[in-house]
N, C-alpha and C. Protein backbone atom coordinates (compact mmCIF):
# COMPACT_ATOMS: atom_id res chain seq x y z
N MET A 1 -12.90 -17.46 -3.65
CA MET A 1 -12.53 -16.17 -3.09
C MET A 1 -12.82 -15.06 -4.09
N LYS A 2 -12.59 -15.32 -5.38
CA LYS A 2 -12.86 -14.30 -6.39
C LYS A 2 -14.34 -13.93 -6.37
N LYS A 3 -15.22 -14.93 -6.19
CA LYS A 3 -16.65 -14.65 -6.12
C LYS A 3 -16.99 -13.81 -4.91
N ALA A 4 -16.31 -14.07 -3.78
CA ALA A 4 -16.58 -13.30 -2.56
C ALA A 4 -16.19 -11.84 -2.74
N ILE A 5 -15.03 -11.59 -3.33
CA ILE A 5 -14.61 -10.20 -3.57
C ILE A 5 -15.54 -9.53 -4.56
N ALA A 6 -15.94 -10.24 -5.60
CA ALA A 6 -16.86 -9.67 -6.58
C ALA A 6 -18.20 -9.34 -5.93
N ALA A 7 -18.66 -10.20 -5.03
CA ALA A 7 -19.93 -9.96 -4.35
C ALA A 7 -19.84 -8.73 -3.45
N VAL A 8 -18.73 -8.58 -2.73
CA VAL A 8 -18.55 -7.41 -1.88
C VAL A 8 -18.50 -6.15 -2.74
N SER A 9 -17.74 -6.21 -3.83
CA SER A 9 -17.64 -5.05 -4.72
C SER A 9 -18.99 -4.71 -5.33
N ALA A 10 -19.76 -5.73 -5.71
CA ALA A 10 -21.08 -5.50 -6.28
C ALA A 10 -22.01 -4.88 -5.24
N ALA A 11 -21.91 -5.36 -4.00
CA ALA A 11 -22.74 -4.81 -2.94
C ALA A 11 -22.41 -3.35 -2.69
N VAL A 12 -21.13 -3.01 -2.77
CA VAL A 12 -20.71 -1.63 -2.56
C VAL A 12 -21.30 -0.74 -3.65
N MET A 13 -21.42 -1.25 -4.86
CA MET A 13 -21.86 -0.44 -5.99
C MET A 13 -23.37 -0.55 -6.23
N LEU A 14 -24.10 -1.22 -5.35
CA LEU A 14 -25.55 -1.36 -5.52
C LEU A 14 -26.23 0.00 -5.61
N THR A 15 -27.25 0.06 -6.38
CA THR A 15 -28.00 1.31 -6.47
C THR A 15 -29.01 1.37 -5.34
N ALA A 16 -29.24 2.57 -4.87
CA ALA A 16 -30.20 2.78 -3.79
C ALA A 16 -31.52 3.25 -4.37
N CYS A 17 -32.60 2.76 -3.80
CA CYS A 17 -33.92 3.21 -4.24
C CYS A 17 -34.24 4.51 -3.53
N GLY A 18 -34.98 5.33 -4.16
CA GLY A 18 -35.36 6.59 -3.54
C GLY A 18 -35.54 7.65 -4.59
N GLU A 19 -36.75 7.93 -4.96
CA GLU A 19 -37.09 8.94 -5.94
C GLU A 19 -36.34 8.74 -7.25
N GLY A 20 -36.06 7.48 -7.58
CA GLY A 20 -35.46 7.15 -8.86
C GLY A 20 -33.98 7.48 -8.97
N ALA A 21 -33.38 7.95 -7.90
CA ALA A 21 -31.97 8.32 -7.96
C ALA A 21 -31.10 7.07 -7.80
N SER A 22 -30.05 7.02 -8.60
CA SER A 22 -29.11 5.91 -8.52
C SER A 22 -27.89 6.38 -7.72
N LYS A 23 -27.56 5.63 -6.69
CA LYS A 23 -26.43 6.01 -5.86
C LYS A 23 -25.52 4.82 -5.67
N GLY A 24 -24.26 5.08 -5.61
CA GLY A 24 -23.27 4.08 -5.28
C GLY A 24 -22.24 4.75 -4.37
N ILE A 25 -21.34 3.99 -3.86
CA ILE A 25 -20.33 4.57 -2.99
C ILE A 25 -19.36 5.39 -3.83
N GLU A 26 -18.98 6.54 -3.33
CA GLU A 26 -18.05 7.40 -4.04
C GLU A 26 -16.67 6.75 -4.04
N PRO A 27 -15.91 6.91 -5.14
CA PRO A 27 -14.57 6.30 -5.21
C PRO A 27 -13.67 6.69 -4.04
N LYS A 28 -13.75 7.93 -3.58
CA LYS A 28 -12.92 8.38 -2.45
C LYS A 28 -13.25 7.59 -1.19
N VAL A 29 -14.53 7.37 -0.93
CA VAL A 29 -14.96 6.61 0.25
C VAL A 29 -14.49 5.16 0.12
N TYR A 30 -14.61 4.62 -1.08
CA TYR A 30 -14.20 3.23 -1.36
C TYR A 30 -12.69 3.07 -1.12
N THR A 31 -11.88 3.97 -1.72
CA THR A 31 -10.43 3.84 -1.56
C THR A 31 -9.99 4.16 -0.14
N ASP A 32 -10.63 5.13 0.51
CA ASP A 32 -10.31 5.42 1.91
C ASP A 32 -10.56 4.19 2.79
N SER A 33 -11.65 3.50 2.53
CA SER A 33 -11.99 2.30 3.30
C SER A 33 -10.98 1.18 3.05
N LEU A 34 -10.64 0.97 1.78
CA LEU A 34 -9.64 -0.05 1.46
C LEU A 34 -8.31 0.27 2.15
N PHE A 35 -7.91 1.54 2.10
CA PHE A 35 -6.64 1.93 2.71
C PHE A 35 -6.66 1.69 4.22
N SER A 36 -7.78 1.95 4.87
CA SER A 36 -7.87 1.72 6.32
C SER A 36 -7.53 0.29 6.68
N VAL A 37 -8.05 -0.65 5.91
CA VAL A 37 -7.77 -2.07 6.16
C VAL A 37 -6.30 -2.37 5.88
N MET A 38 -5.79 -1.87 4.75
CA MET A 38 -4.39 -2.11 4.39
C MET A 38 -3.44 -1.55 5.44
N LYS A 39 -3.71 -0.32 5.88
CA LYS A 39 -2.85 0.34 6.87
C LYS A 39 -2.86 -0.43 8.19
N ALA A 40 -4.02 -0.86 8.62
CA ALA A 40 -4.12 -1.61 9.88
C ALA A 40 -3.34 -2.92 9.79
N ASP A 41 -3.51 -3.65 8.70
CA ASP A 41 -2.79 -4.92 8.54
C ASP A 41 -1.28 -4.71 8.49
N ARG A 42 -0.85 -3.72 7.72
CA ARG A 42 0.58 -3.45 7.56
C ARG A 42 1.20 -2.98 8.88
N THR A 43 0.53 -2.10 9.57
CA THR A 43 1.04 -1.59 10.85
C THR A 43 1.12 -2.72 11.87
N ASN A 44 0.08 -3.53 11.96
CA ASN A 44 0.09 -4.63 12.93
C ASN A 44 1.16 -5.66 12.61
N TYR A 45 1.34 -6.00 11.34
CA TYR A 45 2.40 -6.96 10.97
C TYR A 45 3.76 -6.40 11.38
N THR A 46 3.98 -5.11 11.12
CA THR A 46 5.26 -4.49 11.45
C THR A 46 5.49 -4.43 12.96
N LYS A 47 4.50 -3.95 13.69
CA LYS A 47 4.67 -3.77 15.14
C LYS A 47 4.60 -5.07 15.93
N LEU A 48 3.70 -5.96 15.51
CA LEU A 48 3.48 -7.17 16.31
C LEU A 48 4.35 -8.36 15.90
N ILE A 49 4.81 -8.36 14.66
CA ILE A 49 5.61 -9.50 14.19
C ILE A 49 7.06 -9.08 13.93
N ILE A 50 7.27 -8.20 12.97
CA ILE A 50 8.63 -7.84 12.57
C ILE A 50 9.43 -7.25 13.72
N LYS A 51 8.83 -6.34 14.45
CA LYS A 51 9.55 -5.70 15.57
C LYS A 51 10.01 -6.75 16.58
N ARG A 52 9.21 -7.77 16.80
CA ARG A 52 9.56 -8.82 17.77
C ARG A 52 10.59 -9.80 17.23
N LEU A 53 10.66 -9.94 15.90
CA LEU A 53 11.58 -10.91 15.31
C LEU A 53 12.94 -10.32 14.99
N GLY A 54 13.03 -9.00 15.00
CA GLY A 54 14.27 -8.33 14.61
C GLY A 54 15.42 -8.62 15.55
N PRO A 55 16.52 -7.88 15.40
CA PRO A 55 17.73 -8.12 16.19
C PRO A 55 17.48 -8.10 17.70
N ALA A 56 16.52 -7.30 18.16
CA ALA A 56 16.25 -7.24 19.60
C ALA A 56 15.38 -8.38 20.08
N GLY A 57 14.73 -9.08 19.13
CA GLY A 57 13.85 -10.19 19.50
C GLY A 57 14.62 -11.42 19.90
N SER A 58 13.93 -12.35 20.50
CA SER A 58 14.60 -13.57 20.96
C SER A 58 14.28 -14.75 20.05
N SER A 59 13.65 -14.48 18.94
CA SER A 59 13.23 -15.55 18.03
C SER A 59 14.36 -15.96 17.10
N SER A 60 14.33 -17.20 16.66
CA SER A 60 15.29 -17.65 15.66
C SER A 60 14.80 -17.33 14.25
N ILE A 61 13.58 -16.83 14.14
CA ILE A 61 13.05 -16.42 12.84
C ILE A 61 13.52 -14.99 12.57
N ALA A 62 14.07 -14.75 11.38
CA ALA A 62 14.63 -13.44 11.08
C ALA A 62 13.98 -12.82 9.85
N PRO A 63 13.41 -11.62 9.99
CA PRO A 63 12.89 -10.92 8.83
C PRO A 63 14.05 -10.52 7.92
N ASP A 64 13.90 -10.77 6.63
CA ASP A 64 15.00 -10.49 5.72
C ASP A 64 14.46 -10.33 4.30
N GLU A 65 15.06 -9.44 3.56
CA GLU A 65 14.68 -9.22 2.17
C GLU A 65 14.77 -10.51 1.36
N HIS A 66 15.74 -11.34 1.66
CA HIS A 66 15.93 -12.62 0.96
C HIS A 66 15.47 -13.78 1.85
N TRP A 67 14.30 -13.62 2.43
CA TRP A 67 13.77 -14.56 3.40
C TRP A 67 13.63 -15.97 2.85
N GLU A 68 13.35 -16.12 1.56
CA GLU A 68 13.15 -17.45 0.98
C GLU A 68 14.45 -18.26 0.94
N ASP A 69 15.58 -17.57 0.97
CA ASP A 69 16.88 -18.24 0.94
C ASP A 69 17.37 -18.65 2.32
N LYS A 70 16.61 -18.30 3.34
CA LYS A 70 17.02 -18.58 4.72
C LYS A 70 16.10 -19.64 5.33
N ALA A 71 16.67 -20.51 6.12
CA ALA A 71 15.89 -21.57 6.74
C ALA A 71 14.78 -21.02 7.63
N ASN A 72 15.05 -19.92 8.33
CA ASN A 72 14.07 -19.34 9.25
C ASN A 72 13.76 -17.89 8.90
N GLY A 73 13.72 -17.59 7.61
CA GLY A 73 13.46 -16.23 7.18
C GLY A 73 11.98 -15.89 7.18
N ALA A 74 11.69 -14.61 7.33
CA ALA A 74 10.32 -14.10 7.29
C ALA A 74 10.27 -12.90 6.34
N PRO A 75 9.19 -12.76 5.57
CA PRO A 75 9.09 -11.63 4.64
C PRO A 75 9.03 -10.29 5.38
N LEU A 76 9.59 -9.28 4.75
CA LEU A 76 9.52 -7.92 5.27
C LEU A 76 8.11 -7.37 5.05
N PRO A 77 7.72 -6.32 5.77
CA PRO A 77 6.38 -5.75 5.60
C PRO A 77 6.06 -5.35 4.16
N ALA A 78 7.00 -4.74 3.45
CA ALA A 78 6.76 -4.35 2.06
C ALA A 78 6.52 -5.57 1.17
N GLN A 79 7.21 -6.67 1.47
CA GLN A 79 7.01 -7.89 0.70
C GLN A 79 5.63 -8.50 0.98
N MET A 80 5.23 -8.51 2.24
CA MET A 80 3.89 -9.01 2.58
C MET A 80 2.82 -8.18 1.89
N PHE A 81 3.02 -6.88 1.85
CA PHE A 81 2.07 -5.98 1.20
C PHE A 81 1.97 -6.31 -0.30
N ARG A 82 3.11 -6.49 -0.94
CA ARG A 82 3.13 -6.84 -2.37
C ARG A 82 2.46 -8.20 -2.61
N PHE A 83 2.71 -9.17 -1.75
CA PHE A 83 2.08 -10.49 -1.90
C PHE A 83 0.56 -10.35 -1.84
N GLY A 84 0.08 -9.52 -0.92
CA GLY A 84 -1.36 -9.27 -0.83
C GLY A 84 -1.90 -8.61 -2.09
N ALA A 85 -1.20 -7.61 -2.60
CA ALA A 85 -1.62 -6.91 -3.82
C ALA A 85 -1.67 -7.87 -5.00
N GLU A 86 -0.69 -8.75 -5.10
CA GLU A 86 -0.67 -9.72 -6.21
C GLU A 86 -1.82 -10.71 -6.08
N ALA A 87 -2.12 -11.15 -4.86
CA ALA A 87 -3.23 -12.08 -4.65
C ALA A 87 -4.57 -11.42 -4.99
N VAL A 88 -4.76 -10.17 -4.59
CA VAL A 88 -6.00 -9.45 -4.91
C VAL A 88 -6.13 -9.29 -6.43
N ALA A 89 -5.03 -8.97 -7.11
CA ALA A 89 -5.06 -8.80 -8.57
C ALA A 89 -5.50 -10.08 -9.28
N GLU A 90 -5.21 -11.23 -8.69
CA GLU A 90 -5.65 -12.50 -9.27
C GLU A 90 -7.14 -12.76 -9.02
N MET A 91 -7.70 -12.09 -8.02
CA MET A 91 -9.08 -12.35 -7.62
C MET A 91 -10.10 -11.38 -8.21
N THR A 92 -9.69 -10.15 -8.52
CA THR A 92 -10.66 -9.16 -8.95
C THR A 92 -10.02 -8.10 -9.83
N ASP A 93 -10.85 -7.48 -10.65
CA ASP A 93 -10.43 -6.33 -11.45
C ASP A 93 -11.03 -5.04 -10.90
N ASP A 94 -11.67 -5.12 -9.74
CA ASP A 94 -12.38 -3.98 -9.17
C ASP A 94 -11.46 -2.90 -8.62
N PHE A 95 -10.23 -3.27 -8.25
CA PHE A 95 -9.25 -2.30 -7.78
C PHE A 95 -7.88 -2.95 -7.76
N THR A 96 -6.85 -2.11 -7.78
CA THR A 96 -5.48 -2.58 -7.62
C THR A 96 -4.81 -1.68 -6.58
N TYR A 97 -3.74 -2.18 -6.01
CA TYR A 97 -2.98 -1.35 -5.09
C TYR A 97 -1.52 -1.75 -5.11
N SER A 98 -0.67 -0.78 -4.75
CA SER A 98 0.76 -1.02 -4.70
C SER A 98 1.40 -0.08 -3.70
N LEU A 99 2.59 -0.44 -3.27
CA LEU A 99 3.39 0.39 -2.38
C LEU A 99 4.49 1.00 -3.24
N GLN A 100 4.57 2.32 -3.24
CA GLN A 100 5.55 3.02 -4.06
C GLN A 100 6.26 4.08 -3.25
N SER A 101 7.35 4.59 -3.81
CA SER A 101 8.10 5.64 -3.12
C SER A 101 8.88 6.48 -4.11
N LEU A 102 9.11 7.73 -3.74
CA LEU A 102 10.01 8.59 -4.49
C LEU A 102 11.45 8.16 -4.23
N TRP A 103 11.67 7.38 -3.16
CA TRP A 103 12.99 6.89 -2.77
C TRP A 103 12.94 5.37 -2.59
N PRO A 104 12.60 4.64 -3.65
CA PRO A 104 12.43 3.18 -3.49
C PRO A 104 13.75 2.45 -3.29
N VAL A 105 13.74 1.52 -2.35
CA VAL A 105 14.89 0.64 -2.17
C VAL A 105 14.96 -0.29 -3.38
N ASN A 106 13.80 -0.71 -3.87
CA ASN A 106 13.71 -1.56 -5.05
C ASN A 106 13.13 -0.69 -6.18
N ALA A 107 13.86 -0.52 -7.25
CA ALA A 107 13.47 0.38 -8.34
C ALA A 107 12.08 0.08 -8.90
N GLN A 108 11.62 -1.16 -8.83
CA GLN A 108 10.28 -1.49 -9.35
C GLN A 108 9.17 -0.81 -8.56
N ASN A 109 9.49 -0.25 -7.39
CA ASN A 109 8.50 0.40 -6.54
C ASN A 109 8.49 1.92 -6.69
N GLY A 110 9.11 2.41 -7.75
CA GLY A 110 9.08 3.84 -8.03
C GLY A 110 7.83 4.19 -8.83
N PRO A 111 7.43 5.46 -8.85
CA PRO A 111 6.24 5.88 -9.61
C PRO A 111 6.46 5.73 -11.12
N ARG A 112 5.37 5.37 -11.82
CA ARG A 112 5.45 5.18 -13.28
C ARG A 112 4.56 6.15 -14.05
N THR A 113 3.52 6.67 -13.42
CA THR A 113 2.62 7.57 -14.13
C THR A 113 2.73 8.98 -13.52
N ASP A 114 2.24 9.96 -14.27
CA ASP A 114 2.27 11.34 -13.78
C ASP A 114 1.45 11.50 -12.50
N VAL A 115 0.31 10.81 -12.42
CA VAL A 115 -0.52 10.91 -11.22
C VAL A 115 0.20 10.28 -10.03
N GLU A 116 0.86 9.15 -10.22
CA GLU A 116 1.63 8.54 -9.13
C GLU A 116 2.73 9.49 -8.64
N LYS A 117 3.46 10.09 -9.58
CA LYS A 117 4.53 11.03 -9.21
C LYS A 117 3.98 12.22 -8.46
N ALA A 118 2.90 12.82 -8.99
CA ALA A 118 2.29 13.98 -8.34
C ALA A 118 1.76 13.61 -6.96
N GLY A 119 1.13 12.44 -6.85
CA GLY A 119 0.57 12.01 -5.57
C GLY A 119 1.64 11.74 -4.53
N LEU A 120 2.70 11.06 -4.92
CA LEU A 120 3.79 10.78 -3.98
C LEU A 120 4.47 12.06 -3.52
N GLN A 121 4.65 13.01 -4.44
CA GLN A 121 5.26 14.28 -4.06
C GLN A 121 4.33 15.05 -3.12
N TYR A 122 3.03 15.03 -3.41
CA TYR A 122 2.06 15.74 -2.58
C TYR A 122 2.05 15.21 -1.15
N ILE A 123 2.00 13.89 -0.98
CA ILE A 123 1.95 13.35 0.38
C ILE A 123 3.26 13.55 1.11
N ALA A 124 4.38 13.61 0.38
CA ALA A 124 5.67 13.90 1.01
C ALA A 124 5.72 15.35 1.49
N ASP A 125 5.14 16.26 0.71
CA ASP A 125 5.15 17.68 1.03
C ASP A 125 4.06 18.09 2.02
N ASN A 126 3.04 17.25 2.18
CA ASN A 126 1.88 17.57 3.01
C ASN A 126 1.58 16.41 3.97
N PRO A 127 2.41 16.23 4.99
CA PRO A 127 2.22 15.10 5.91
C PRO A 127 0.79 15.03 6.46
N GLY A 128 0.28 13.81 6.47
CA GLY A 128 -1.06 13.58 7.00
C GLY A 128 -2.18 13.75 5.99
N GLU A 129 -1.85 14.19 4.79
CA GLU A 129 -2.88 14.37 3.76
C GLU A 129 -2.78 13.29 2.70
N ASN A 130 -3.89 13.06 2.03
CA ASN A 130 -3.97 12.09 0.94
C ASN A 130 -4.06 12.85 -0.38
N TYR A 131 -3.83 12.15 -1.47
CA TYR A 131 -3.90 12.74 -2.81
C TYR A 131 -4.91 11.94 -3.63
N TYR A 132 -5.77 12.65 -4.36
CA TYR A 132 -6.78 12.00 -5.20
C TYR A 132 -6.71 12.59 -6.60
N GLY A 133 -6.80 11.73 -7.61
CA GLY A 133 -6.79 12.20 -8.98
C GLY A 133 -7.44 11.18 -9.90
N GLU A 134 -7.52 11.54 -11.15
CA GLU A 134 -8.00 10.63 -12.19
C GLU A 134 -6.94 10.55 -13.27
N GLU A 135 -6.87 9.38 -13.89
CA GLU A 135 -5.93 9.19 -14.99
C GLU A 135 -6.48 8.15 -15.94
N GLU A 136 -6.05 8.25 -17.19
CA GLU A 136 -6.46 7.27 -18.19
C GLU A 136 -5.26 6.40 -18.52
N LEU A 137 -5.47 5.11 -18.40
CA LEU A 137 -4.43 4.12 -18.69
C LEU A 137 -5.03 3.04 -19.57
N GLY A 138 -4.45 2.82 -20.73
CA GLY A 138 -4.95 1.78 -21.62
C GLY A 138 -6.39 1.99 -22.04
N GLY A 139 -6.82 3.23 -22.16
CA GLY A 139 -8.19 3.52 -22.58
C GLY A 139 -9.22 3.44 -21.47
N VAL A 140 -8.79 3.22 -20.23
CA VAL A 140 -9.69 3.13 -19.09
C VAL A 140 -9.39 4.30 -18.16
N THR A 141 -10.45 4.96 -17.67
CA THR A 141 -10.28 6.04 -16.71
C THR A 141 -10.32 5.45 -15.31
N TYR A 142 -9.35 5.85 -14.50
CA TYR A 142 -9.22 5.36 -13.13
C TYR A 142 -9.29 6.51 -12.14
N PHE A 143 -9.91 6.25 -11.01
CA PHE A 143 -9.78 7.11 -9.83
C PHE A 143 -8.54 6.57 -9.12
N THR A 144 -7.56 7.43 -8.90
CA THR A 144 -6.31 7.00 -8.27
C THR A 144 -6.11 7.79 -6.99
N ALA A 145 -5.90 7.07 -5.90
CA ALA A 145 -5.68 7.68 -4.59
C ALA A 145 -4.29 7.28 -4.10
N VAL A 146 -3.60 8.24 -3.47
CA VAL A 146 -2.27 7.98 -2.92
C VAL A 146 -2.30 8.37 -1.44
N TYR A 147 -1.93 7.41 -0.60
CA TYR A 147 -1.96 7.58 0.85
C TYR A 147 -0.54 7.48 1.40
N PRO A 148 -0.23 8.25 2.44
CA PRO A 148 1.12 8.20 2.99
C PRO A 148 1.42 6.86 3.66
N ASP A 149 2.62 6.36 3.40
CA ASP A 149 3.13 5.18 4.08
C ASP A 149 4.19 5.70 5.05
N VAL A 150 3.85 5.65 6.33
CA VAL A 150 4.65 6.28 7.37
C VAL A 150 5.48 5.22 8.11
N ALA A 151 6.69 5.60 8.48
CA ALA A 151 7.54 4.72 9.29
C ALA A 151 6.91 4.60 10.68
N VAL A 152 6.32 3.43 10.96
CA VAL A 152 5.59 3.24 12.22
C VAL A 152 6.42 2.56 13.31
N ALA A 153 7.58 2.04 12.94
CA ALA A 153 8.41 1.34 13.93
C ALA A 153 9.88 1.46 13.52
N ALA A 154 10.75 1.34 14.50
CA ALA A 154 12.19 1.46 14.26
C ALA A 154 12.71 0.53 13.16
N PRO A 155 12.20 -0.72 13.06
CA PRO A 155 12.70 -1.58 12.00
C PRO A 155 12.48 -1.00 10.58
N CYS A 156 11.42 -0.22 10.38
CA CYS A 156 11.19 0.42 9.08
C CYS A 156 12.34 1.37 8.75
N VAL A 157 12.64 2.24 9.71
CA VAL A 157 13.68 3.25 9.54
C VAL A 157 15.04 2.58 9.38
N ASP A 158 15.34 1.63 10.26
CA ASP A 158 16.64 0.95 10.23
C ASP A 158 16.87 0.23 8.91
N CYS A 159 15.84 -0.46 8.42
CA CYS A 159 15.97 -1.22 7.17
C CYS A 159 16.21 -0.28 6.00
N HIS A 160 15.38 0.75 5.87
CA HIS A 160 15.51 1.67 4.73
C HIS A 160 16.81 2.46 4.78
N ASN A 161 17.15 2.99 5.95
CA ASN A 161 18.36 3.79 6.07
C ASN A 161 19.63 2.97 5.85
N GLY A 162 19.59 1.70 6.23
CA GLY A 162 20.79 0.86 6.14
C GLY A 162 20.88 0.00 4.90
N HIS A 163 19.87 0.03 4.04
CA HIS A 163 19.86 -0.84 2.86
C HIS A 163 20.93 -0.41 1.86
N LYS A 164 21.59 -1.39 1.26
CA LYS A 164 22.68 -1.09 0.32
C LYS A 164 22.21 -0.31 -0.91
N ASP A 165 20.93 -0.43 -1.28
CA ASP A 165 20.42 0.25 -2.47
C ASP A 165 19.57 1.48 -2.15
N THR A 166 19.62 1.96 -0.92
CA THR A 166 18.76 3.08 -0.55
C THR A 166 19.20 4.38 -1.21
N PRO A 167 18.26 5.13 -1.78
CA PRO A 167 18.61 6.43 -2.32
C PRO A 167 18.50 7.53 -1.24
N ARG A 168 18.03 7.16 -0.06
CA ARG A 168 17.88 8.12 1.03
C ARG A 168 18.12 7.41 2.36
N SER A 169 18.96 7.97 3.20
CA SER A 169 19.31 7.27 4.45
C SER A 169 19.10 8.14 5.69
N ASP A 170 18.14 9.06 5.63
CA ASP A 170 17.90 9.94 6.77
C ASP A 170 16.47 9.86 7.31
N PHE A 171 15.79 8.75 7.07
CA PHE A 171 14.42 8.59 7.57
C PHE A 171 14.41 8.54 9.09
N LYS A 172 13.32 9.08 9.66
CA LYS A 172 13.09 9.02 11.11
C LYS A 172 11.70 8.43 11.34
N LEU A 173 11.48 7.94 12.53
CA LEU A 173 10.17 7.42 12.91
C LEU A 173 9.12 8.50 12.65
N GLY A 174 8.03 8.13 11.99
CA GLY A 174 6.95 9.08 11.67
C GLY A 174 7.09 9.74 10.31
N ASP A 175 8.22 9.56 9.64
CA ASP A 175 8.40 10.15 8.31
C ASP A 175 7.57 9.41 7.26
N VAL A 176 7.15 10.15 6.24
CA VAL A 176 6.51 9.54 5.07
C VAL A 176 7.64 8.93 4.24
N MET A 177 7.60 7.61 4.09
CA MET A 177 8.65 6.91 3.35
C MET A 177 8.21 6.58 1.93
N GLY A 178 6.94 6.68 1.68
CA GLY A 178 6.39 6.36 0.37
C GLY A 178 4.89 6.49 0.44
N GLY A 179 4.21 5.76 -0.45
CA GLY A 179 2.77 5.84 -0.46
C GLY A 179 2.11 4.58 -0.97
N VAL A 180 0.86 4.41 -0.57
CA VAL A 180 0.03 3.32 -1.07
C VAL A 180 -0.83 3.92 -2.18
N VAL A 181 -0.71 3.35 -3.37
CA VAL A 181 -1.47 3.82 -4.53
C VAL A 181 -2.60 2.83 -4.77
N ILE A 182 -3.84 3.33 -4.72
CA ILE A 182 -5.02 2.50 -4.97
C ILE A 182 -5.71 3.04 -6.21
N ARG A 183 -6.02 2.14 -7.13
CA ARG A 183 -6.62 2.53 -8.40
C ARG A 183 -7.92 1.77 -8.59
N VAL A 184 -8.98 2.53 -8.94
CA VAL A 184 -10.31 1.96 -9.16
C VAL A 184 -10.80 2.40 -10.54
N PRO A 185 -11.21 1.45 -11.42
CA PRO A 185 -11.73 1.85 -12.72
C PRO A 185 -13.05 2.60 -12.55
N MET A 186 -13.24 3.64 -13.32
CA MET A 186 -14.46 4.45 -13.23
C MET A 186 -15.53 3.89 -14.16
């Protein structure tokens, strides 16, 4: 799988022939494309699986933060997203991604860099817009993009508003609850 991701990344960065000019995909186009896939997967998991398994569902499988401790537990959407990010990090160094928030239920999901903080604040203040910046971390320059993570279904709002560790309990459907941070080395 690592070879497959490396091959796709290499194909994306291939140079184009034409009057000696070297072209590759722009970081913004690359991160926008990655986010499209992430958003589709996350939205579908939430709407098609979690919404059906919740309290209104008829299934004996229950989505829960502590799903591993339950005989019929299922991971929450944020947990599935993190599992995907961790698996990608094991396969490639071409990009990383994470789910973060200015109001994280889990403190580990809060912003750590100035660009993350600025990006999360920007998307919260400007619904429907993305944030793009550059930052240097560990001597490497990164293109960093922050995309809004919007409450797409009632279970998102109910879980965040009702969580014992929530720093904010007034989310509504359609609100920006956090952001997806994608980082690509330049």
